[in-house]
Amino acid sequence: MILGRVAGTVVATRKDEKLQGKKLLIVRTLDPETRKESGYVVAIDTVQAGRGDIVLCVSGSSARMASGLKDHPVDTAIVGVVDLIEI
């Protein structure tokens, strides 16, 4: 799983038909201990996350198991909005 903060959106007018109507967000990965942000990933949103939200993402085959994404060409999906991080 990937912890990250939503940094922005991606608009694609031409995309696979299975992605029509799906929101794509740019997520900046986040270290849970230091809260330091590093790289970016583009993820499909399944939970109505917004800019600045800390989110939980899954990637690979797990992303295609997220709600409504079976058999979709997806590598990373946002599956939760984080309320609290406690270590």
PDB file of N, CA and C in Angstrom:
ATOM      1  N   MET A   1       0.832  -1.179   0.000  1.00  0.00           N
ATOM      2  CA  MET A   1       0.000   0.000   0.000  1.00  0.00           C
ATOM      3  C   MET A   1       0.871   1.235   0.000  1.00  0.00           C
ATOM      4  N   ILE A   2       0.320   2.298  -0.530  1.00  0.00           N
ATOM      5  CA  ILE A   2       1.033   3.567  -0.664  1.00  0.00           C
ATOM      6  C   ILE A   2       0.262   4.632   0.102  1.00  0.00           C
ATOM      7  N   LEU A   3       0.980   5.397   0.902  1.00  0.00           N
ATOM      8  CA  LEU A   3       0.391   6.520   1.600  1.00  0.00           C
ATOM      9  C   LEU A   3       0.797   7.770   0.834  1.00  0.00           C
ATOM     10  N   GLY A   4      -0.135   8.687   0.606  1.00  0.00           N
ATOM     11  CA  GLY A   4       0.210   9.881  -0.151  1.00  0.00           C
ATOM     12  C   GLY A   4      -0.761  11.017   0.082  1.00  0.00           C
ATOM     13  N   ARG A   5      -0.425  12.168  -0.503  1.00  0.00           N
ATOM     14  CA  ARG A   5      -1.265  13.358  -0.412  1.00  0.00           C
ATOM     15  C   ARG A   5      -1.677  13.759  -1.825  1.00  0.00           C
ATOM     16  N   VAL A   6      -2.954  14.022  -2.029  1.00  0.00           N
ATOM     17  CA  VAL A   6      -3.440  14.410  -3.353  1.00  0.00           C
ATOM     18  C   VAL A   6      -2.882  15.786  -3.697  1.00  0.00           C
ATOM     19  N   ALA A   7      -2.170  15.848  -4.825  1.00  0.00           N
ATOM     20  CA  ALA A   7      -1.509  17.086  -5.242  1.00  0.00           C
ATOM     21  C   ALA A   7      -2.234  17.781  -6.387  1.00  0.00           C
ATOM     22  N   GLY A   8      -3.046  17.058  -7.135  1.00  0.00           N
ATOM     23  CA  GLY A   8      -3.724  17.682  -8.265  1.00  0.00           C
ATOM     24  C   GLY A   8      -4.514  16.671  -9.069  1.00  0.00           C
ATOM     25  N   THR A   9      -4.958  17.097 -10.236  1.00  0.00           N
ATOM     26  CA  THR A   9      -5.771  16.240 -11.093  1.00  0.00           C
ATOM     27  C   THR A   9      -5.128  16.078 -12.459  1.00  0.00           C
ATOM     28  N   VAL A  10      -5.566  15.056 -13.167  1.00  0.00           N
ATOM     29  CA  VAL A  10      -5.133  14.816 -14.544  1.00  0.00           C
ATOM     30  C   VAL A  10      -6.393  14.812 -15.408  1.00  0.00           C
ATOM     31  N   VAL A  11      -6.369  15.574 -16.489  1.00  0.00           N
ATOM     32  CA  VAL A  11      -7.480  15.588 -17.430  1.00  0.00           C
ATOM     33  C   VAL A  11      -6.992  14.951 -18.722  1.00  0.00           C
ATOM     34  N   ALA A  12      -7.688  13.913 -19.164  1.00  0.00           N
ATOM     35  CA  ALA A  12      -7.326  13.222 -20.407  1.00  0.00           C
ATOM     36  C   ALA A  12      -8.582  13.112 -21.271  1.00  0.00           C
ATOM     37  N   THR A  13      -8.606  13.839 -22.367  1.00  0.00           N
ATOM     38  CA  THR A  13      -9.790  13.797 -23.222  1.00  0.00           C
ATOM     39  C   THR A  13      -9.845  12.524 -24.050  1.00  0.00           C
ATOM     40  N   ARG A  14      -8.690  11.915 -24.315  1.00  0.00           N
ATOM     41  CA  ARG A  14      -8.635  10.650 -25.040  1.00  0.00           C
ATOM     42  C   ARG A  14      -8.054   9.600 -24.105  1.00  0.00           C
ATOM     43  N   LYS A  15      -8.850   8.571 -23.831  1.00  0.00           N
ATOM     44  CA  LYS A  15      -8.396   7.503 -22.945  1.00  0.00           C
ATOM     45  C   LYS A  15      -9.195   6.245 -23.226  1.00  0.00           C
ATOM     46  N   ASP A  16      -8.749   5.151 -22.669  1.00  0.00           N
ATOM     47  CA  ASP A  16      -9.444   3.879 -22.819  1.00  0.00           C
ATOM     48  C   ASP A  16     -10.901   4.047 -22.416  1.00  0.00           C
ATOM     49  N   GLU A  17     -11.796   3.434 -23.155  1.00  0.00           N
ATOM     50  CA  GLU A  17     -13.234   3.586 -22.891  1.00  0.00           C
ATOM     51  C   GLU A  17     -13.636   3.138 -21.487  1.00  0.00           C
ATOM     52  N   LYS A  18     -12.879   2.214 -20.894  1.00  0.00           N
ATOM     53  CA  LYS A  18     -13.192   1.748 -19.540  1.00  0.00           C
ATOM     54  C   LYS A  18     -12.846   2.798 -18.479  1.00  0.00           C
ATOM     55  N   LEU A  19     -12.103   3.830 -18.873  1.00  0.00           N
ATOM     56  CA  LEU A  19     -11.748   4.892 -17.933  1.00  0.00           C
ATOM     57  C   LEU A  19     -12.659   6.108 -18.065  1.00  0.00           C
ATOM     58  N   GLN A  20     -13.606   6.069 -18.990  1.00  0.00           N
ATOM     59  CA  GLN A  20     -14.534   7.183 -19.159  1.00  0.00           C
ATOM     60  C   GLN A  20     -15.301   7.418 -17.857  1.00  0.00           C
ATOM     61  N   GLY A  21     -15.373   8.671 -17.442  1.00  0.00           N
ATOM     62  CA  GLY A  21     -16.105   9.016 -16.222  1.00  0.00           C
ATOM     63  C   GLY A  21     -15.346   8.785 -14.932  1.00  0.00           C
ATOM     64  N   LYS A  22     -14.116   8.325 -15.019  1.00  0.00           N
ATOM     65  CA  LYS A  22     -13.297   8.077 -13.822  1.00  0.00           C
ATOM     66  C   LYS A  22     -12.396   9.284 -13.576  1.00  0.00           C
ATOM     67  N   LYS A  23     -12.218   9.664 -12.302  1.00  0.00           N
ATOM     68  CA  LYS A  23     -11.380  10.797 -11.938  1.00  0.00           C
ATOM     69  C   LYS A  23      -9.942  10.317 -11.696  1.00  0.00           C
ATOM     70  N   LEU A  24      -8.988  10.977 -12.333  1.00  0.00           N
ATOM     71  CA  LEU A  24      -7.570  10.674 -12.165  1.00  0.00           C
ATOM     72  C   LEU A  24      -6.926  11.765 -11.312  1.00  0.00           C
ATOM     73  N   LEU A  25      -6.209  11.349 -10.271  1.00  0.00           N
ATOM     74  CA  LEU A  25      -5.564  12.300  -9.366  1.00  0.00           C
ATOM     75  C   LEU A  25      -4.063  12.059  -9.305  1.00  0.00           C
ATOM     76  N   ILE A  26      -3.323  13.135  -9.106  1.00  0.00           N
ATOM     77  CA  ILE A  26      -1.876  13.053  -8.894  1.00  0.00           C
ATOM     78  C   ILE A  26      -1.657  12.927  -7.389  1.00  0.00           C
ATOM     79  N   VAL A  27      -0.957  11.869  -6.984  1.00  0.00           N
ATOM     80  CA  VAL A  27      -0.708  11.621  -5.565  1.00  0.00           C
ATOM     81  C   VAL A  27       0.791  11.706  -5.311  1.00  0.00           C
ATOM     82  N   ARG A  28       1.179  12.513  -4.330  1.00  0.00           N
ATOM     83  CA  ARG A  28       2.581  12.629  -3.917  1.00  0.00           C
ATOM     84  C   ARG A  28       2.799  11.642  -2.785  1.00  0.00           C
ATOM     85  N   THR A  29       3.696  10.672  -2.979  1.00  0.00           N
ATOM     86  CA  THR A  29       3.910   9.644  -1.959  1.00  0.00           C
ATOM     87  C   THR A  29       4.473  10.262  -0.674  1.00  0.00           C
ATOM     88  N   LEU A  30       4.147   9.634   0.448  1.00  0.00           N
ATOM     89  CA  LEU A  30       4.426  10.209   1.755  1.00  0.00           C
ATOM     90  C   LEU A  30       4.996   9.148   2.686  1.00  0.00           C
ATOM     91  N   ASP A  31       6.091   9.472   3.379  1.00  0.00           N
ATOM     92  CA  ASP A  31       6.654   8.574   4.386  1.00  0.00           C
ATOM     93  C   ASP A  31       5.843   8.758   5.670  1.00  0.00           C
ATOM     94  N   PRO A  32       5.254   7.685   6.222  1.00  0.00           N
ATOM     95  CA  PRO A  32       4.389   7.841   7.394  1.00  0.00           C
ATOM     96  C   PRO A  32       5.110   8.315   8.656  1.00  0.00           C
ATOM     97  N   GLU A  33       6.396   8.033   8.789  1.00  0.00           N
ATOM     98  CA  GLU A  33       7.122   8.439   9.991  1.00  0.00           C
ATOM     99  C   GLU A  33       7.572   9.882   9.930  1.00  0.00           C
ATOM    100  N   THR A  34       8.186  10.271   8.815  1.00  0.00           N
ATOM    101  CA  THR A  34       8.753  11.623   8.711  1.00  0.00           C
ATOM    102  C   THR A  34       7.797  12.618   8.073  1.00  0.00           C
ATOM    103  N   ARG A  35       6.735  12.107   7.436  1.00  0.00           N
ATOM    104  CA  ARG A  35       5.769  12.912   6.670  1.00  0.00           C
ATOM    105  C   ARG A  35       6.430  13.610   5.487  1.00  0.00           C
ATOM    106  N   LYS A  36       7.630  13.115   5.126  1.00  0.00           N
ATOM    107  CA  LYS A  36       8.337  13.673   3.977  1.00  0.00           C
ATOM    108  C   LYS A  36       7.705  13.144   2.691  1.00  0.00           C
ATOM    109  N   GLU A  37       7.469  14.051   1.759  1.00  0.00           N
ATOM    110  CA  GLU A  37       6.881  13.675   0.477  1.00  0.00           C
ATOM    111  C   GLU A  37       7.989  13.406  -0.530  1.00  0.00           C
ATOM    112  N   SER A  38       7.734  12.452  -1.444  1.00  0.00           N
ATOM    113  CA  SER A  38       8.751  12.145  -2.457  1.00  0.00           C
ATOM    114  C   SER A  38       8.099  12.107  -3.835  1.00  0.00           C
ATOM    115  N   GLY A  39       8.142  10.991  -4.523  1.00  0.00           N
ATOM    116  CA  GLY A  39       7.677  10.894  -5.901  1.00  0.00           C
ATOM    117  C   GLY A  39       6.181  11.054  -6.089  1.00  0.00           C
ATOM    118  N   TYR A  40       5.780  11.001  -7.352  1.00  0.00           N
ATOM    119  CA  TYR A  40       4.372  11.145  -7.716  1.00  0.00           C
ATOM    120  C   TYR A  40       3.866   9.881  -8.396  1.00  0.00           C
ATOM    121  N   VAL A  41       2.571   9.622  -8.250  1.00  0.00           N
ATOM    122  CA  VAL A  41       1.883   8.585  -9.022  1.00  0.00           C
ATOM    123  C   VAL A  41       0.544   9.168  -9.468  1.00  0.00           C
ATOM    124  N   VAL A  42       0.034   8.659 -10.568  1.00  0.00           N
ATOM    125  CA  VAL A  42      -1.315   9.010 -10.999  1.00  0.00           C
ATOM    126  C   VAL A  42      -2.205   7.840 -10.604  1.00  0.00           C
ATOM    127  N   ALA A  43      -3.281   8.153  -9.888  1.00  0.00           N
ATOM    128  CA  ALA A  43      -4.162   7.101  -9.377  1.00  0.00           C
ATOM    129  C   ALA A  43      -5.607   7.407  -9.740  1.00  0.00           C
ATOM    130  N   ILE A  44      -6.374   6.350  -9.938  1.00  0.00           N
ATOM    131  CA  ILE A  44      -7.798   6.500 -10.187  1.00  0.00           C
ATOM    132  C   ILE A  44      -8.490   6.609  -8.832  1.00  0.00           C
ATOM    133  N   ASP A  45      -9.442   7.523  -8.716  1.00  0.00           N
ATOM    134  CA  ASP A  45     -10.099   7.800  -7.446  1.00  0.00           C
ATOM    135  C   ASP A  45     -11.375   6.977  -7.305  1.00  0.00           C
ATOM    136  N   THR A  46     -11.472   6.200  -6.220  1.00  0.00           N
ATOM    137  CA  THR A  46     -12.690   5.417  -5.972  1.00  0.00           C
ATOM    138  C   THR A  46     -13.446   5.899  -4.735  1.00  0.00           C
ATOM    139  N   VAL A  47     -12.923   6.952  -4.069  1.00  0.00           N
ATOM    140  CA  VAL A  47     -13.514   7.382  -2.791  1.00  0.00           C
ATOM    141  C   VAL A  47     -13.806   8.885  -2.719  1.00  0.00           C
ATOM    142  N   GLN A  48     -13.832   9.570  -3.827  1.00  0.00           N
ATOM    143  CA  GLN A  48     -14.065  11.019  -3.880  1.00  0.00           C
ATOM    144  C   GLN A  48     -13.076  11.808  -3.030  1.00  0.00           C
ATOM    145  N   ALA A  49     -11.793  11.509  -3.183  1.00  0.00           N
ATOM    146  CA  ALA A  49     -10.744  12.246  -2.490  1.00  0.00           C
ATOM    147  C   ALA A  49     -10.592  13.623  -3.136  1.00  0.00           C
ATOM    148  N   GLY A  50     -10.031  14.553  -2.380  1.00  0.00           N
ATOM    149  CA  GLY A  50      -9.833  15.902  -2.891  1.00  0.00           C
ATOM    150  C   GLY A  50      -8.413  16.378  -2.679  1.00  0.00           C
ATOM    151  N   ARG A  51      -8.086  17.496  -3.309  1.00  0.00           N
ATOM    152  CA  ARG A  51      -6.748  18.072  -3.214  1.00  0.00           C
ATOM    153  C   ARG A  51      -6.389  18.301  -1.741  1.00  0.00           C
ATOM    154  N   GLY A  52      -5.184  17.854  -1.353  1.00  0.00           N
ATOM    155  CA  GLY A  52      -4.701  18.004   0.011  1.00  0.00           C
ATOM    156  C   GLY A  52      -5.031  16.845   0.937  1.00  0.00           C
ATOM    157  N   ASP A  53      -5.955  15.977   0.538  1.00  0.00           N
ATOM    158  CA  ASP A  53      -6.295  14.815   1.365  1.00  0.00           C
ATOM    159  C   ASP A  53      -5.135  13.837   1.435  1.00  0.00           C
ATOM    160  N   ILE A  54      -4.943  13.236   2.598  1.00  0.00           N
ATOM    161  CA  ILE A  54      -3.995  12.126   2.721  1.00  0.00           C
ATOM    162  C   ILE A  54      -4.792  10.872   2.378  1.00  0.00           C
ATOM    163  N   VAL A  55      -4.249  10.075   1.456  1.00  0.00           N
ATOM    164  CA  VAL A  55      -4.988   8.931   0.935  1.00  0.00           C
ATOM    165  C   VAL A  55      -4.168   7.653   1.016  1.00  0.00           C
ATOM    166  N   LEU A  56      -4.885   6.544   0.966  1.00  0.00           N
ATOM    167  CA  LEU A  56      -4.291   5.215   0.929  1.00  0.00           C
ATOM    168  C   LEU A  56      -4.512   4.665  -0.471  1.00  0.00           C
ATOM    169  N   CYS A  57      -3.434   4.249  -1.113  1.00  0.00           N
ATOM    170  CA  CYS A  57      -3.499   3.748  -2.484  1.00  0.00           C
ATOM    171  C   CYS A  57      -3.020   2.302  -2.541  1.00  0.00           C
ATOM    172  N   VAL A  58      -3.519   1.574  -3.517  1.00  0.00           N
ATOM    173  CA  VAL A  58      -3.026   0.235  -3.811  1.00  0.00           C
ATOM    174  C   VAL A  58      -2.567   0.226  -5.258  1.00  0.00           C
ATOM    175  N   SER A  59      -1.639  -0.664  -5.563  1.00  0.00           N
ATOM    176  CA  SER A  59      -1.122  -0.696  -6.931  1.00  0.00           C
ATOM    177  C   SER A  59      -1.054  -2.129  -7.450  1.00  0.00           C
ATOM    178  N   GLY A  60      -0.816  -2.240  -8.738  1.00  0.00           N
ATOM    179  CA  GLY A  60      -0.722  -3.548  -9.373  1.00  0.00           C
ATOM    180  C   GLY A  60      -2.070  -4.237  -9.424  1.00  0.00           C
ATOM    181  N   SER A  61      -2.065  -5.547  -9.262  1.00  0.00           N
ATOM    182  CA  SER A  61      -3.316  -6.310  -9.355  1.00  0.00           C
ATOM    183  C   SER A  61      -4.303  -5.919  -8.265  1.00  0.00           C
ATOM    184  N   SER A  62      -3.824  -5.423  -7.140  1.00  0.00           N
ATOM    185  CA  SER A  62      -4.723  -4.979  -6.071  1.00  0.00           C
ATOM    186  C   SER A  62      -5.573  -3.799  -6.519  1.00  0.00           C
ATOM    187  N   ALA A  63      -5.016  -2.945  -7.357  1.00  0.00           N
ATOM    188  CA  ALA A  63      -5.766  -1.787  -7.853  1.00  0.00           C
ATOM    189  C   ALA A  63      -6.946  -2.233  -8.704  1.00  0.00           C
ATOM    190  N   ARG A  64      -6.784  -3.280  -9.451  1.00  0.00           N
ATOM    191  CA  ARG A  64      -7.863  -3.770 -10.306  1.00  0.00           C
ATOM    192  C   ARG A  64      -8.935  -4.510  -9.512  1.00  0.00           C
ATOM    193  N   MET A  65      -8.694  -4.736  -8.221  1.00  0.00           N
ATOM    194  CA  MET A  65      -9.692  -5.373  -7.363  1.00  0.00           C
ATOM    195  C   MET A  65     -10.516  -4.339  -6.598  1.00  0.00           C
ATOM    196  N   ALA A  66     -10.147  -3.055  -6.715  1.00  0.00           N
ATOM    197  CA  ALA A  66     -10.886  -1.994  -6.029  1.00  0.00           C
ATOM    198  C   ALA A  66     -12.287  -1.878  -6.624  1.00  0.00           C
ATOM    199  N   SER A  67     -13.165  -1.304  -5.871  1.00  0.00           N
ATOM    200  CA  SER A  67     -14.574  -1.183  -6.256  1.00  0.00           C
ATOM    201  C   SER A  67     -14.761  -0.580  -7.648  1.00  0.00           C
ATOM    202  N   GLY A  68     -15.410  -1.327  -8.517  1.00  0.00           N
ATOM    203  CA  GLY A  68     -15.750  -0.847  -9.855  1.00  0.00           C
ATOM    204  C   GLY A  68     -14.623  -0.846 -10.861  1.00  0.00           C
ATOM    205  N   LEU A  69     -13.488  -1.460 -10.554  1.00  0.00           N
ATOM    206  CA  LEU A  69     -12.341  -1.403 -11.465  1.00  0.00           C
ATOM    207  C   LEU A  69     -11.951  -2.746 -12.059  1.00  0.00           C
ATOM    208  N   LYS A  70     -12.738  -3.788 -11.838  1.00  0.00           N
ATOM    209  CA  LYS A  70     -12.398  -5.104 -12.387  1.00  0.00           C
ATOM    210  C   LYS A  70     -12.267  -5.009 -13.898  1.00  0.00           C
ATOM    211  N   ASP A  71     -11.178  -5.556 -14.413  1.00  0.00           N
ATOM    212  CA  ASP A  71     -10.880  -5.571 -15.852  1.00  0.00           C
ATOM    213  C   ASP A  71     -10.665  -4.176 -16.444  1.00  0.00           C
ATOM    214  N   HIS A  72     -10.254  -3.211 -15.610  1.00  0.00           N
ATOM    215  CA  HIS A  72      -9.914  -1.878 -16.109  1.00  0.00           C
ATOM    216  C   HIS A  72      -8.389  -1.754 -16.194  1.00  0.00           C
ATOM    217  N   PRO A  73      -7.887  -0.947 -17.130  1.00  0.00           N
ATOM    218  CA  PRO A  73      -6.440  -0.764 -17.272  1.00  0.00           C
ATOM    219  C   PRO A  73      -5.901   0.212 -16.220  1.00  0.00           C
ATOM    220  N   VAL A  74      -5.802  -0.261 -14.970  1.00  0.00           N
ATOM    221  CA  VAL A  74      -5.432   0.591 -13.844  1.00  0.00           C
ATOM    222  C   VAL A  74      -4.223   0.001 -13.133  1.00  0.00           C
ATOM    223  N   ASP A  75      -3.260   0.867 -12.781  1.00  0.00           N
ATOM    224  CA  ASP A  75      -2.096   0.411 -12.031  1.00  0.00           C
ATOM    225  C   ASP A  75      -2.133   0.886 -10.580  1.00  0.00           C
ATOM    226  N   THR A  76      -2.749   2.040 -10.311  1.00  0.00           N
ATOM    227  CA  THR A  76      -2.828   2.558  -8.950  1.00  0.00           C
ATOM    228  C   THR A  76      -4.228   3.104  -8.699  1.00  0.00           C
ATOM    229  N   ALA A  77      -4.812   2.777  -7.545  1.00  0.00           N
ATOM    230  CA  ALA A  77      -6.151   3.244  -7.197  1.00  0.00           C
ATOM    231  C   ALA A  77      -6.159   3.790  -5.774  1.00  0.00           C
ATOM    232  N   ILE A  78      -6.881   4.880  -5.578  1.00  0.00           N
ATOM    233  CA  ILE A  78      -7.089   5.431  -4.236  1.00  0.00           C
ATOM    234  C   ILE A  78      -8.268   4.690  -3.627  1.00  0.00           C
ATOM    235  N   VAL A  79      -8.026   4.052  -2.469  1.00  0.00           N
ATOM    236  CA  VAL A  79      -9.075   3.237  -1.846  1.00  0.00           C
ATOM    237  C   VAL A  79      -9.484   3.736  -0.467  1.00  0.00           C
ATOM    238  N   GLY A  80      -8.882   4.815   0.012  1.00  0.00           N
ATOM    239  CA  GLY A  80      -9.263   5.333   1.315  1.00  0.00           C
ATOM    240  C   GLY A  80      -8.732   6.724   1.557  1.00  0.00           C
ATOM    241  N   VAL A  81      -9.462   7.488   2.358  1.00  0.00           N
ATOM    242  CA  VAL A  81      -9.007   8.811   2.825  1.00  0.00           C
ATOM    243  C   VAL A  81      -8.603   8.632   4.285  1.00  0.00           C
ATOM    244  N   VAL A  82      -7.381   9.003   4.607  1.00  0.00           N
ATOM    245  CA  VAL A  82      -6.809   8.774   5.937  1.00  0.00           C
ATOM    246  C   VAL A  82      -7.248   9.892   6.897  1.00  0.00           C
ATOM    247  N   ASP A  83      -7.729   9.498   8.080  1.00  0.00           N
ATOM    248  CA  ASP A  83      -8.118  10.453   9.114  1.00  0.00           C
ATOM    249  C   ASP A  83      -6.973  10.716  10.087  1.00  0.00           C
ATOM    250  N   LEU A  84      -6.178   9.665  10.377  1.00  0.00           N
ATOM    251  CA  LEU A  84      -5.155   9.791  11.405  1.00  0.00           C
ATOM    252  C   LEU A  84      -4.016   8.839  11.102  1.00  0.00           C
ATOM    253  N   ILE A  85      -2.793   9.300  11.332  1.00  0.00           N
ATOM    254  CA  ILE A  85      -1.603   8.436  11.241  1.00  0.00           C
ATOM    255  C   ILE A  85      -0.965   8.422  12.620  1.00  0.00           C
ATOM    256  N   GLU A  86      -0.850   7.232  13.204  1.00  0.00           N
ATOM    257  CA  GLU A  86      -0.266   7.095  14.524  1.00  0.00           C
ATOM    258  C   GLU A  86       0.771   5.988  14.496  1.00  0.00           C
ATOM    259  N   ILE A  87       1.994   6.317  14.887  1.00  0.00           N
ATOM    260  CA  ILE A  87       3.071   5.327  14.888  1.00  0.00           C
ATOM    261  C   ILE A  87       3.585   5.172  16.314  1.00  0.00           C
TER     262      ILE A  87
END
